[in-house]
Structures are given as C-alpha cells and as structure tokens.
Amino acid sequence: MLNFIKSNYFLIKMFEFLSESKRLKLINYNKNLQNILSISIDSYIKLFYQTEIKIIPKATLENDETKNIFININESGRKYFHIYFNEDLTKEINRNFLKKDERITKIRIIIDKESNIFSGLFKNCSCIKEIKFNKFNRLNVNDMSYMFNNCTSLIKLDIEKLKTNNVINMSAMFYNCPLLSGLNLINFNTENVTDMCYMFGWCSSLKKLELLNFNTKNVTNISGMFNKCSLISKLDLSNFITNKITNMSCLFQLCSSLKELNISSFNTENVTNMGLMFQSCSSLEKLNLCNFNTNKVTNMSCIFQSCSNLKELNINNFTTNKLENMMFMFDRCSSLTNLNLSNFNTYNVFSMEGTFNECTLISKLDLSNFNTENVENMSMLFSDCSSLEELNISNFKTDKVKNMDEMFYGCLKLIDLDITNFEFKNSCNMKYMFGACSQELKQKVKQQNPNLKEIAFKEKIDNAFFPQNF
C-alpha cells in the first residue's frame, strides 16, 4: 500500500488542493482516478500526517451529505476516517490538522447506503462523550456487535431512532461504557438477534435496564450479558424466551448490587455452560431456580461463588448427569447454613477444587451419594469450612486424584472423619491437607490411613508476618 501511495503521491496531493466541484468533475471524467483516490487518500493521511483526534465531545449520525467533519463508512463495512475541519482543504494541510488544546464540538458521520455492518463503529472512541442518532431509517444493518465498545467517556447515548429490525449480532454492543448511567431501549427490535453475549458487560454506572420489550426467541448466547453491571439492583427478565440458549456463563457475574432478579421464565433445557453465572452477586439473598433444567450442563464452575448474602439455595431439581466441572461452585457462600445435594450425580466430574471453600456457616454436609471416581482435583474442597462438624464422604474414591492440598484446611470444628477408603497416588499433592485442623482429627486420620504424608499436617506460614529477608 505504501508503494502504491508513493507512486500516486503527486496525483493525491494535487487532488487535495482542488476545490470540491473540480474534484467531482475530475472523478466523473476518469473512473480509474476514483478507484485510486478511494483506496489511497486514507492511507496517505495516516502515513504522512499520523492524525489523531484526541477530544471529540459529540457525535451525530445522519443519512445526508455534509461538508463538515465526518467519518465515512464504505460499502464493505471497513472504516475510512476522512477528517475535514474546513471546506478549504489547503488550510487543513498547512496547519497539519489539530493544534494543541483544539477541540471538536461535533462530528457528523456519513454511512454508505450499502454498508450493513456496524460492528465496532465507535469501538475504542474513548474521547466521545455524547452520541445522538438524529435520523436513521436504515433497515439493512445486521451486525451491531462492539458498536460502542470501550467508549469509556460516553455519558449520553440517544439511540431511540436506531433501527435494529434485522440485526443478528449485538454481542458486546455497549461493552465497557463505564460512565453510561442510562439507556433507553424501548424501541429496540431484537426478534432476529442470535447473540447478546456481553451486550451490557462492564456498564458499571448503569442503574437500571428496562428490557420487557426484548424478544429473545432466536438468541443462543447471553454469556456475560450483564457482567459487572455493578449498580443495577433489580432485573426483570420474566419476558425472556431462552429455549435456544446454550451459553449462560458469567451472565450476572459481578452484579454486586443486584437484590431482585426475576428469571422465572428461563428455559435452560439446552444450556451447556453455567460457569460463573451468579458469581459475586453479593447482595442476592434469595434465588428461585425451581424452573431450571440442567440436563445438558457440563460446567457449573464458580456458578454461586461469592454470593456471600445468599441465605438459602434450593437446587433439588438440578440434574447433573453431564456435569464435569464443579470447581469453586459454592466458594465463599458464607451465609449458607444448609445444602442438600442428594440429587447430584457427579460421575463425570473431574474437578471439585474449592467447591465448598469458605462456606463458613454450614455445619453438616452429606455427600455419601457423590461418585468421585473420575475426579482429579480436590484441592481446597472443604477449606475454611470453620463451622463444619459433620461430613459424610464415606464413598469417596480418590485413586485418580492428583491434588488434595488444603482439602480440609481450617475445618476447626471437625473432629470425626472417615477416610479409610482414600487411596493416594505417589505423586498426589497433600500439602496442608489437614492444616489448621484440631489435633484430635489429625490423630484419627493418621491412624486410619498411614499413607498420609507429614506435609499433610503442616500449617501454612503467612509471609506477610515476616520481613522480606527473614
């Protein structure tokens, strides 16, 4: 491209100094010239001027022509930034575009009528504070993914006139707009959308979302859709049709202010991934999942992790025949006092790392139904369950387990445990397995299983209490 531009350098330079009317006459006269210029000018400007727009407070999208500043989207959906501040281009060349501290107050964007892809249209426009769609009647647009992604200064977004009738992809559409406090989506038509993953992810200033008009009948992916919407306290998704959805991972992850959540209409019969679904919903006190069908779910890792205010959890309806990953599933559910998992089939599970870690109020766990013959990782499984007094793991098989470090670490009240059936690989990591446990428990398990290594009973040393070179 650089050689091409250099070979046509004088042609491009001459073209820039012509008036607009003369440029149009010249192009109409010679169609080959039009092709050369449409390919070259943008690259020429970038290579020889290295233009950067640093502050653009407002952007307006319209369909009509303009001689002011504009971003031109060509028919293939690729961006070409032709930045003009005056009608007389010679002034722009002489002053080399923006001067120090110079600010643009408005930018108008002209979009080719054939263009149907708006993916990443404003992506990484971290300087834009306000965007308004004055008039927008385009119905051919089918992709709005990443459209406003990383607009980190965006405060106001007027999209009431945005036509979304034929849009298929809205993934990450508003992702990481951290200053956006409100969105009016009342006119959004989402009946053809299939992908909404991370659509509102990291919109950490949004306080509410009204989505009762959303039609999700064709959506297959809503992973991370509300990820880190940390100021939203209430979400009503009772209208959501979810029978085609396969991925719900990270759906409400880090929604730390969420107290009311209506997902009563959720049909999860085709979902395979629920990992991190409610992770760090630290304000949720109750969760109604009685309608959940988990027949096809393989991943529930961290699904309830750090739901620290969740006082009860009824998952008796969960079917876990295909479940493979339970890693940190109930980790730091520090308000839970009871868990009934008698319905769980864990035959296919390979990881139970940290599953009950820091469930500090649970005093009794009956896991006699657990089949662990395929589990490879039990690290921190019951770590810091400081109230645990009764634990039934009499049917645990451990011959495939490679890691048991801190498995019972900090189970201060546990004084009786049957591990006679435990088998250990020579390479199995037992570090701190019974660290910070009572001496009574340590003596009992030593007698039950002489294959336990001495490292299993050691205490952790917190380096924070010692000087760096102690």
Protein backbone atom coordinates (compact mmCIF):
# COMPACT_ATOMS: atom_id res chain seq x y z
CA MET A 1 0.00 0.00 0.00
CA LEU A 2 2.87 2.40 0.83
CA ASN A 3 4.46 1.93 -2.61
CA PHE A 4 1.07 2.40 -4.23
CA ILE A 5 0.57 5.67 -2.37
CA LYS A 6 4.06 6.92 -3.19
CA SER A 7 3.60 6.16 -6.86
CA ASN A 8 0.44 8.28 -6.88
CA TYR A 9 1.72 10.86 -4.41
CA PHE A 10 1.55 13.88 -6.71
CA LEU A 11 -1.85 12.83 -8.02
CA ILE A 12 -3.23 12.66 -4.47
CA LYS A 13 -1.50 15.90 -3.49
CA MET A 14 -2.92 17.73 -6.50
CA PHE A 15 -6.38 16.33 -5.80
CA GLU A 16 -6.33 17.64 -2.22
CA PHE A 17 -5.74 21.22 -3.34
CA LEU A 18 -8.61 21.26 -5.82
CA SER A 19 -11.99 22.70 -4.91
CA GLU A 20 -14.76 20.20 -4.27
CA SER A 21 -16.56 20.95 -7.57
CA LYS A 22 -13.36 20.44 -9.59
CA ARG A 23 -12.60 17.22 -7.75
CA LEU A 24 -16.04 15.83 -8.61
CA LYS A 25 -15.68 16.80 -12.28
CA LEU A 26 -12.29 15.16 -12.47
CA ILE A 27 -13.52 11.96 -10.84
CA ASN A 28 -16.60 11.76 -13.06
CA TYR A 29 -14.39 12.20 -16.08
CA ASN A 30 -11.96 9.47 -15.08
CA LYS A 31 -13.40 6.50 -13.16
CA ASN A 32 -9.93 4.98 -12.68
CA LEU A 33 -8.95 8.08 -10.77
CA GLN A 34 -11.86 7.46 -8.42
CA ASN A 35 -10.57 3.98 -7.62
CA ILE A 36 -7.05 5.21 -6.96
CA LEU A 37 -8.20 8.00 -4.68
CA SER A 38 -10.74 5.94 -2.72
CA ILE A 39 -8.03 3.38 -1.90
CA SER A 40 -5.21 5.83 -1.25
CA ILE A 41 -6.25 9.02 0.47
CA ASP A 42 -7.00 7.48 3.85
CA SER A 43 -3.71 5.57 3.97
CA TYR A 44 -1.87 8.65 2.70
CA ILE A 45 -3.24 10.77 5.52
CA LYS A 46 -2.39 8.13 8.14
CA LEU A 47 1.14 7.51 6.87
CA PHE A 48 2.23 11.08 6.21
CA TYR A 49 0.26 13.03 8.79
CA GLN A 50 -0.31 10.46 11.58
CA THR A 51 -3.51 12.25 12.53
CA GLU A 52 -5.07 11.57 15.91
CA ILE A 53 -8.32 13.09 17.16
CA LYS A 54 -7.91 13.36 20.90
CA ILE A 55 -11.10 15.09 22.04
CA ILE A 56 -14.46 14.64 20.34
CA PRO A 57 -17.26 15.54 22.75
CA LYS A 58 -20.21 14.81 20.46
CA ALA A 59 -21.07 12.62 17.51
CA THR A 60 -24.22 12.70 15.39
CA LEU A 61 -25.29 10.04 12.91
CA GLU A 62 -27.31 11.14 9.90
CA ASN A 63 -28.04 9.92 6.40
CA ASP A 64 -27.48 13.13 4.44
CA GLU A 65 -24.34 14.64 2.94
CA THR A 66 -22.16 17.14 4.79
CA LYS A 67 -19.04 19.18 4.20
CA ASN A 68 -18.11 19.23 7.87
CA ILE A 69 -16.17 16.67 9.84
CA PHE A 70 -17.29 13.16 9.07
CA ILE A 71 -16.36 9.51 9.30
CA ASN A 72 -17.11 7.71 6.07
CA ILE A 73 -18.02 4.01 6.21
CA ASN A 74 -17.59 2.32 2.84
CA GLU A 75 -19.77 -0.44 1.42
CA SER A 76 -17.67 -3.30 2.81
CA GLY A 77 -18.12 -2.06 6.36
CA ARG A 78 -14.46 -1.03 6.67
CA LYS A 79 -13.73 2.31 8.30
CA TYR A 80 -12.14 5.23 6.46
CA PHE A 81 -11.55 8.32 8.55
CA HIS A 82 -11.55 11.44 6.36
CA ILE A 83 -11.21 14.30 8.80
CA TYR A 84 -12.08 17.75 7.43
CA PHE A 85 -12.47 20.84 9.59
CA ASN A 86 -12.97 23.38 6.83
CA GLU A 87 -14.30 23.27 3.29
CA ASP A 88 -10.96 24.60 2.12
CA LEU A 89 -8.62 21.63 2.39
CA THR A 90 -5.48 23.76 1.89
CA LYS A 91 -5.91 25.22 5.37
CA GLU A 92 -6.01 21.77 6.85
CA ILE A 93 -2.77 20.74 5.17
CA ASN A 94 -0.99 23.94 6.18
CA ARG A 95 -1.90 23.61 9.86
CA ASN A 96 -1.46 19.82 9.94
CA PHE A 97 -4.90 19.21 11.44
CA LEU A 98 -5.45 19.71 15.19
CA LYS A 99 -3.49 22.28 17.10
CA LYS A 100 -2.67 21.94 20.77
CA ASP A 101 -5.78 22.14 23.00
CA GLU A 102 -8.03 22.47 19.95
CA ARG A 103 -11.38 20.77 20.43
CA ILE A 104 -14.06 19.49 18.08
CA THR A 105 -17.60 20.19 19.21
CA LYS A 106 -19.45 18.00 16.75
CA ILE A 107 -18.78 15.20 14.31
CA ARG A 108 -21.20 14.00 11.64
CA ILE A 109 -20.94 10.50 10.26
CA ILE A 110 -21.88 9.58 6.73
CA ILE A 111 -22.51 5.91 6.07
CA ASP A 112 -22.67 4.32 2.66
CA LYS A 113 -26.19 3.02 1.98
CA GLU A 114 -24.82 -0.39 1.02
CA SER A 115 -23.00 -0.87 4.30
CA ASN A 116 -24.80 -3.37 6.56
CA ILE A 117 -22.10 -3.99 9.16
CA PHE A 118 -21.74 -1.54 12.04
CA SER A 119 -19.52 -3.83 14.08
CA GLY A 120 -17.04 -1.74 16.08
CA LEU A 121 -18.36 1.53 14.62
CA PHE A 122 -17.32 3.56 17.70
CA LYS A 123 -15.04 0.93 19.23
CA ASN A 124 -12.28 2.47 21.39
CA CYS A 125 -13.55 6.02 20.77
CA SER A 126 -12.57 6.84 24.32
CA CYS A 127 -12.91 10.60 23.79
CA ILE A 128 -16.55 10.73 22.70
CA LYS A 129 -18.89 11.94 25.46
CA GLU A 130 -22.23 12.08 23.63
CA ILE A 131 -23.73 10.29 20.63
CA LYS A 132 -27.11 11.04 19.11
CA PHE A 133 -28.90 9.39 16.20
CA ASN A 134 -30.86 12.29 14.67
CA LYS A 135 -32.41 10.30 11.86
CA PHE A 136 -31.73 6.74 11.00
CA ASN A 137 -34.00 4.77 8.71
CA ARG A 138 -31.58 2.07 7.61
CA LEU A 139 -33.08 -1.40 7.79
CA ASN A 140 -30.27 -3.35 6.12
CA VAL A 141 -27.92 -3.33 9.11
CA ASN A 142 -27.40 -6.84 10.52
CA ASP A 143 -24.35 -6.50 12.76
CA MET A 144 -24.02 -4.07 15.68
CA SER A 145 -21.54 -6.07 17.72
CA TYR A 146 -18.94 -3.98 19.59
CA MET A 147 -20.65 -0.87 18.22
CA PHE A 148 -19.95 1.29 21.29
CA ASN A 149 -17.31 -0.98 22.82
CA ASN A 150 -14.79 0.83 25.06
CA CYS A 151 -16.43 4.25 24.73
CA THR A 152 -15.03 4.96 28.16
CA SER A 153 -16.01 8.67 28.22
CA LEU A 154 -19.54 8.20 26.86
CA ILE A 155 -22.09 9.80 29.20
CA LYS A 156 -25.14 10.19 26.96
CA LEU A 157 -26.36 7.91 24.18
CA ASP A 158 -29.54 8.69 22.26
CA ILE A 159 -30.50 5.61 20.24
CA GLU A 160 -34.29 5.94 20.19
CA LYS A 161 -34.26 6.29 16.39
CA LEU A 162 -31.84 3.44 15.79
CA LYS A 163 -33.41 0.73 13.61
CA THR A 164 -32.50 -2.78 14.74
CA ASN A 165 -35.15 -4.84 12.93
CA ASN A 166 -32.69 -7.03 11.02
CA VAL A 167 -29.77 -7.06 13.42
CA ILE A 168 -28.45 -10.55 14.18
CA ASN A 169 -25.43 -9.76 16.33
CA MET A 170 -25.48 -7.41 19.36
CA SER A 171 -22.60 -9.01 21.24
CA ALA A 172 -20.58 -6.54 23.34
CA MET A 173 -22.60 -3.70 21.80
CA PHE A 174 -22.26 -1.45 24.88
CA TYR A 175 -19.36 -3.32 26.49
CA ASN A 176 -17.22 -1.22 28.83
CA CYS A 177 -19.13 2.05 28.69
CA PRO A 178 -18.37 2.70 32.38
CA LEU A 179 -19.83 6.24 32.55
CA LEU A 180 -23.14 5.48 30.84
CA SER A 181 -25.80 5.77 33.55
CA GLY A 182 -28.93 5.21 31.44
CA LEU A 183 -30.12 3.56 28.23
CA ASN A 184 -33.49 3.92 26.55
CA LEU A 185 -34.05 0.68 24.63
CA ILE A 186 -37.82 0.93 24.34
CA ASN A 187 -37.70 0.94 20.52
CA PHE A 188 -35.20 -1.88 20.17
CA ASN A 189 -36.43 -4.67 17.93
CA THR A 190 -34.46 -7.78 18.82
CA GLU A 191 -36.55 -10.50 17.20
CA ASN A 192 -33.74 -11.56 14.83
CA VAL A 193 -30.84 -11.28 17.26
CA THR A 194 -28.95 -14.52 17.97
CA ASP A 195 -26.01 -13.22 20.02
CA MET A 196 -26.27 -10.91 23.05
CA CYS A 197 -23.12 -12.01 24.88
CA TYR A 198 -21.56 -9.22 26.99
CA MET A 199 -24.07 -6.78 25.48
CA PHE A 200 -24.11 -4.60 28.64
CA GLY A 201 -20.93 -6.02 30.17
CA TRP A 202 -18.91 -3.62 32.32
CA CYS A 203 -21.52 -0.87 32.13
CA SER A 204 -20.71 -0.21 35.75
CA SER A 205 -22.69 3.05 36.04
CA LEU A 206 -25.99 1.70 34.70
CA LYS A 207 -28.56 1.83 37.50
CA LYS A 208 -31.48 0.19 35.71
CA LEU A 209 -32.39 -1.60 32.50
CA GLU A 210 -35.94 -1.95 31.18
CA LEU A 211 -35.93 -4.94 28.84
CA LEU A 212 -39.56 -6.05 28.87
CA ASN A 213 -39.79 -5.25 25.15
CA PHE A 214 -36.86 -7.56 24.29
CA ASN A 215 -37.69 -10.53 22.09
CA THR A 216 -35.07 -13.22 22.66
CA LYS A 217 -36.70 -16.11 20.84
CA ASN A 218 -33.72 -16.58 18.49
CA VAL A 219 -30.90 -15.84 20.92
CA THR A 220 -28.41 -18.67 21.56
CA ASN A 221 -25.78 -16.84 23.61
CA ILE A 222 -26.29 -14.49 26.57
CA SER A 223 -22.99 -15.17 28.33
CA GLY A 224 -21.80 -12.13 30.28
CA MET A 225 -24.79 -10.09 29.12
CA PHE A 226 -24.98 -8.15 32.43
CA ASN A 227 -21.42 -8.84 33.59
CA LYS A 228 -20.24 -6.18 36.07
CA CYS A 229 -23.40 -4.09 35.89
CA SER A 230 -22.48 -3.37 39.47
CA LEU A 231 -25.07 -0.65 40.23
CA ILE A 232 -28.20 -2.43 38.97
CA SER A 233 -30.28 -3.55 41.95
CA LYS A 234 -33.28 -5.03 40.11
CA LEU A 235 -33.65 -7.00 36.88
CA ASP A 236 -36.93 -8.30 35.49
CA LEU A 237 -36.24 -10.83 32.74
CA SER A 238 -39.58 -12.62 33.03
CA ASN A 239 -40.25 -11.98 29.34
CA PHE A 240 -37.05 -13.65 28.15
CA ILE A 241 -37.51 -16.66 25.87
CA THR A 242 -34.42 -18.79 26.40
CA ASN A 243 -35.16 -22.21 24.91
CA LYS A 244 -32.45 -21.80 22.22
CA ILE A 245 -29.76 -20.51 24.54
CA THR A 246 -26.74 -22.76 25.10
CA ASN A 247 -24.42 -20.41 27.00
CA MET A 248 -25.32 -18.55 30.21
CA SER A 249 -21.82 -18.31 31.66
CA CYS A 250 -20.94 -15.07 33.51
CA LEU A 251 -24.50 -13.85 32.87
CA PHE A 252 -24.86 -11.91 36.15
CA GLN A 253 -21.23 -12.07 37.23
CA LEU A 254 -20.11 -9.15 39.44
CA CYS A 255 -23.63 -7.69 39.67
CA SER A 256 -22.78 -6.80 43.24
CA SER A 257 -25.83 -4.57 43.89
CA LEU A 258 -28.41 -6.97 42.46
CA LYS A 259 -31.06 -7.77 45.08
CA GLU A 260 -34.10 -8.66 42.97
CA LEU A 261 -33.81 -10.99 39.99
CA ASN A 262 -36.80 -12.40 38.09
CA ILE A 263 -35.74 -15.26 35.82
CA SER A 264 -38.90 -17.29 36.35
CA SER A 265 -39.44 -17.74 32.60
CA PHE A 266 -35.98 -19.13 31.92
CA ASN A 267 -35.96 -22.36 29.94
CA THR A 268 -32.49 -23.83 30.32
CA GLU A 269 -33.02 -27.18 28.62
CA ASN A 270 -30.30 -26.51 26.00
CA VAL A 271 -27.79 -24.72 28.20
CA THR A 272 -24.39 -26.41 28.50
CA ASN A 273 -22.40 -23.69 30.28
CA MET A 274 -23.45 -22.01 33.56
CA GLY A 275 -19.96 -21.26 34.82
CA LEU A 276 -19.70 -18.00 36.85
CA MET A 277 -23.38 -17.33 36.17
CA PHE A 278 -24.11 -15.65 39.55
CA GLN A 279 -20.52 -15.16 40.68
CA SER A 280 -20.12 -12.22 43.13
CA CYS A 281 -23.82 -11.36 43.25
CA SER A 282 -23.02 -10.40 46.81
CA SER A 283 -26.35 -8.63 47.52
CA LEU A 284 -28.61 -11.51 46.47
CA GLU A 285 -30.35 -13.06 49.48
CA LYS A 286 -32.60 -15.46 47.59
CA LEU A 287 -32.63 -17.11 44.22
CA ASN A 288 -35.50 -19.05 42.68
CA LEU A 289 -34.13 -21.68 40.31
CA CYS A 290 -37.01 -24.16 40.54
CA ASN A 291 -37.64 -23.91 36.78
CA PHE A 292 -34.03 -24.70 35.83
CA ASN A 293 -33.39 -27.74 33.66
CA THR A 294 -29.71 -28.64 33.87
CA ASN A 295 -29.76 -31.90 31.90
CA LYS A 296 -27.14 -30.70 29.39
CA VAL A 297 -24.97 -28.54 31.64
CA THR A 298 -21.31 -29.59 31.76
CA ASN A 299 -19.86 -26.54 33.51
CA MET A 300 -21.05 -25.11 36.84
CA SER A 301 -17.68 -23.84 37.99
CA CYS A 302 -17.99 -20.75 40.23
CA ILE A 303 -21.74 -20.56 39.48
CA PHE A 304 -22.57 -19.30 43.01
CA GLN A 305 -19.08 -18.20 44.02
CA SER A 306 -19.02 -15.22 46.43
CA CYS A 307 -22.81 -15.00 46.73
CA SER A 308 -22.00 -14.01 50.28
CA ASN A 309 -25.54 -12.94 51.29
CA LEU A 310 -27.35 -15.95 49.85
CA LYS A 311 -29.03 -17.49 52.88
CA GLU A 312 -30.69 -20.46 51.23
CA LEU A 313 -30.37 -22.29 47.95
CA ASN A 314 -32.78 -24.93 46.72
CA ILE A 315 -31.29 -26.87 43.81
CA ASN A 316 -33.09 -30.15 44.40
CA ASN A 317 -34.32 -30.00 40.81
CA PHE A 318 -30.79 -29.90 39.36
CA THR A 319 -29.91 -32.84 37.14
CA THR A 320 -26.14 -33.20 36.91
CA ASN A 321 -25.64 -36.34 34.81
CA LYS A 322 -23.38 -34.48 32.35
CA LEU A 323 -21.70 -32.17 34.84
CA GLU A 324 -17.90 -32.14 34.53
CA ASN A 325 -16.70 -29.08 36.42
CA MET A 326 -17.74 -28.12 39.98
CA MET A 327 -14.67 -26.00 40.71
CA PHE A 328 -15.45 -23.30 43.33
CA MET A 329 -19.17 -23.93 42.81
CA PHE A 330 -20.24 -22.72 46.30
CA ASP A 331 -16.98 -20.99 47.20
CA ARG A 332 -17.45 -18.19 49.77
CA CYS A 333 -21.20 -18.66 50.09
CA SER A 334 -20.61 -17.55 53.64
CA SER A 335 -24.29 -17.08 54.61
CA LEU A 336 -25.48 -20.52 53.54
CA THR A 337 -26.32 -22.74 56.51
CA ASN A 338 -27.56 -25.79 54.62
CA LEU A 339 -27.04 -27.54 51.29
CA ASN A 340 -28.95 -30.57 50.07
CA LEU A 341 -27.07 -32.22 47.21
CA SER A 342 -28.58 -35.69 47.49
CA ASN A 343 -29.79 -35.48 43.90
CA PHE A 344 -26.31 -34.79 42.45
CA ASN A 345 -24.77 -37.26 40.03
CA THR A 346 -21.06 -36.50 39.94
CA TYR A 347 -19.81 -39.45 37.89
CA ASN A 348 -18.40 -37.23 35.09
CA VAL A 349 -16.95 -34.54 37.33
CA PHE A 350 -13.16 -34.10 37.01
CA SER A 351 -12.67 -31.04 39.24
CA MET A 352 -14.00 -30.33 42.74
CA GLU A 353 -11.37 -27.75 43.55
CA GLY A 354 -12.66 -25.33 46.20
CA THR A 355 -16.27 -26.48 45.75
CA PHE A 356 -17.23 -25.67 49.38
CA ASN A 357 -14.33 -23.38 50.22
CA GLU A 358 -15.22 -20.82 52.94
CA CYS A 359 -18.81 -21.98 53.40
CA THR A 360 -18.28 -20.80 56.94
CA LEU A 361 -21.81 -21.35 58.34
CA ILE A 362 -22.51 -24.86 57.06
CA SER A 363 -22.30 -27.33 59.93
CA LYS A 364 -23.33 -30.54 58.17
CA LEU A 365 -22.71 -31.97 54.70
CA ASP A 366 -23.88 -35.37 53.49
CA LEU A 367 -22.02 -36.24 50.28
CA SER A 368 -22.42 -40.00 50.59
CA ASN A 369 -24.05 -40.05 47.15
CA PHE A 370 -21.06 -38.39 45.46
CA ASN A 371 -19.27 -40.52 42.88
CA THR A 372 -15.71 -39.23 42.66
CA GLU A 373 -14.04 -41.95 40.64
CA ASN A 374 -13.15 -39.52 37.82
CA VAL A 375 -12.19 -36.54 39.98
CA GLU A 376 -8.58 -35.37 39.58
CA ASN A 377 -8.58 -32.24 41.74
CA MET A 378 -9.89 -31.93 45.32
CA SER A 379 -7.69 -29.04 46.34
CA MET A 380 -9.35 -26.75 48.96
CA LEU A 381 -12.56 -28.78 48.67
CA PHE A 382 -13.67 -28.04 52.27
CA SER A 383 -11.04 -25.43 53.09
CA ASP A 384 -12.03 -22.96 55.86
CA CYS A 385 -15.43 -24.53 56.46
CA SER A 386 -14.93 -23.38 60.02
CA SER A 387 -18.38 -24.46 61.31
CA LEU A 388 -18.38 -27.91 59.74
CA GLU A 389 -18.93 -30.62 62.35
CA GLU A 390 -20.39 -33.50 60.31
CA LEU A 391 -19.07 -34.57 56.93
CA ASN A 392 -20.01 -37.79 55.18
CA ILE A 393 -17.59 -38.64 52.37
CA SER A 394 -17.58 -42.36 53.05
CA ASN A 395 -17.96 -43.27 49.36
CA PHE A 396 -15.25 -41.00 48.02
CA LYS A 397 -12.82 -42.66 45.62
CA THR A 398 -9.52 -40.86 45.27
CA ASP A 399 -7.31 -43.14 43.18
CA LYS A 400 -7.28 -40.63 40.26
CA VAL A 401 -6.88 -37.53 42.41
CA LYS A 402 -3.64 -35.64 41.79
CA ASN A 403 -4.19 -32.70 44.11
CA MET A 404 -5.54 -32.63 47.68
CA ASP A 405 -3.68 -29.64 49.05
CA GLU A 406 -5.62 -27.76 51.76
CA MET A 407 -8.57 -30.13 51.25
CA PHE A 408 -9.72 -29.83 54.90
CA TYR A 409 -7.60 -26.85 55.88
CA GLY A 410 -9.17 -24.75 58.66
CA CYS A 411 -12.06 -27.14 59.42
CA LEU A 412 -11.71 -26.14 63.05
CA LYS A 413 -14.76 -27.97 64.45
CA LEU A 414 -14.39 -31.20 62.53
CA ILE A 415 -13.21 -33.90 64.93
CA ASP A 416 -14.51 -37.05 63.23
CA LEU A 417 -13.89 -38.09 59.62
CA ASP A 418 -13.81 -41.40 57.81
CA ILE A 419 -11.13 -41.55 55.10
CA THR A 420 -10.33 -45.25 55.34
CA ASN A 421 -11.30 -45.69 51.70
CA PHE A 422 -8.91 -42.99 50.48
CA GLU A 423 -6.20 -44.13 48.08
CA PHE A 424 -3.27 -41.88 47.29
CA LYS A 425 -1.07 -41.72 44.23
CA ASN A 426 2.63 -41.36 45.00
CA SER A 427 2.60 -38.04 43.16
CA CYS A 428 -0.54 -36.75 44.90
CA ASN A 429 -0.12 -33.27 46.39
CA MET A 430 -1.18 -33.41 50.09
CA LYS A 431 0.30 -30.09 51.18
CA TYR A 432 -1.56 -28.64 54.20
CA MET A 433 -4.38 -31.16 53.67
CA PHE A 434 -5.28 -31.11 57.39
CA GLY A 435 -3.52 -27.88 58.30
CA ALA A 436 -5.25 -25.72 60.94
CA CYS A 437 -7.44 -28.67 61.99
CA SER A 438 -7.84 -29.99 65.52
CA GLN A 439 -5.20 -32.33 66.94
CA GLU A 440 -7.97 -34.84 67.61
CA LEU A 441 -8.85 -35.03 63.92
CA LYS A 442 -5.21 -35.27 62.89
CA GLN A 443 -4.62 -38.23 65.20
CA LYS A 444 -7.70 -40.08 63.95
CA VAL A 445 -6.93 -39.74 60.23
CA LYS A 446 -3.28 -40.70 60.82
CA GLN A 447 -4.45 -43.93 62.37
CA GLN A 448 -6.98 -44.56 59.58
CA ASN A 449 -4.60 -44.00 56.70
CA PRO A 450 -0.86 -44.50 57.18
CA ASN A 451 -0.19 -43.35 53.60
CA LEU A 452 -0.75 -39.73 54.58
CA LYS A 453 2.48 -37.73 54.29
CA GLU A 454 3.73 -35.49 57.07
CA ILE A 455 3.29 -32.41 54.86
CA ALA A 456 -0.46 -33.02 55.02
CA PHE A 457 -0.50 -31.90 58.68
CA LYS A 458 1.70 -28.82 58.35
CA GLU A 459 0.41 -25.30 58.89
CA LYS A 460 0.66 -22.56 56.28
CA ILE A 461 3.05 -19.74 57.10
CA ASP A 462 1.79 -16.33 56.12
CA ASN A 463 4.78 -14.47 54.69
CA ALA A 464 3.07 -11.17 55.41
CA PHE A 465 4.02 -11.52 59.09
CA PHE A 466 7.73 -11.80 58.36
CA PRO A 467 10.28 -9.32 56.97
CA GLN A 468 11.19 -9.84 53.32
CA ASN A 469 14.59 -11.37 54.12
CA PHE A 470 13.58 -13.13 57.34
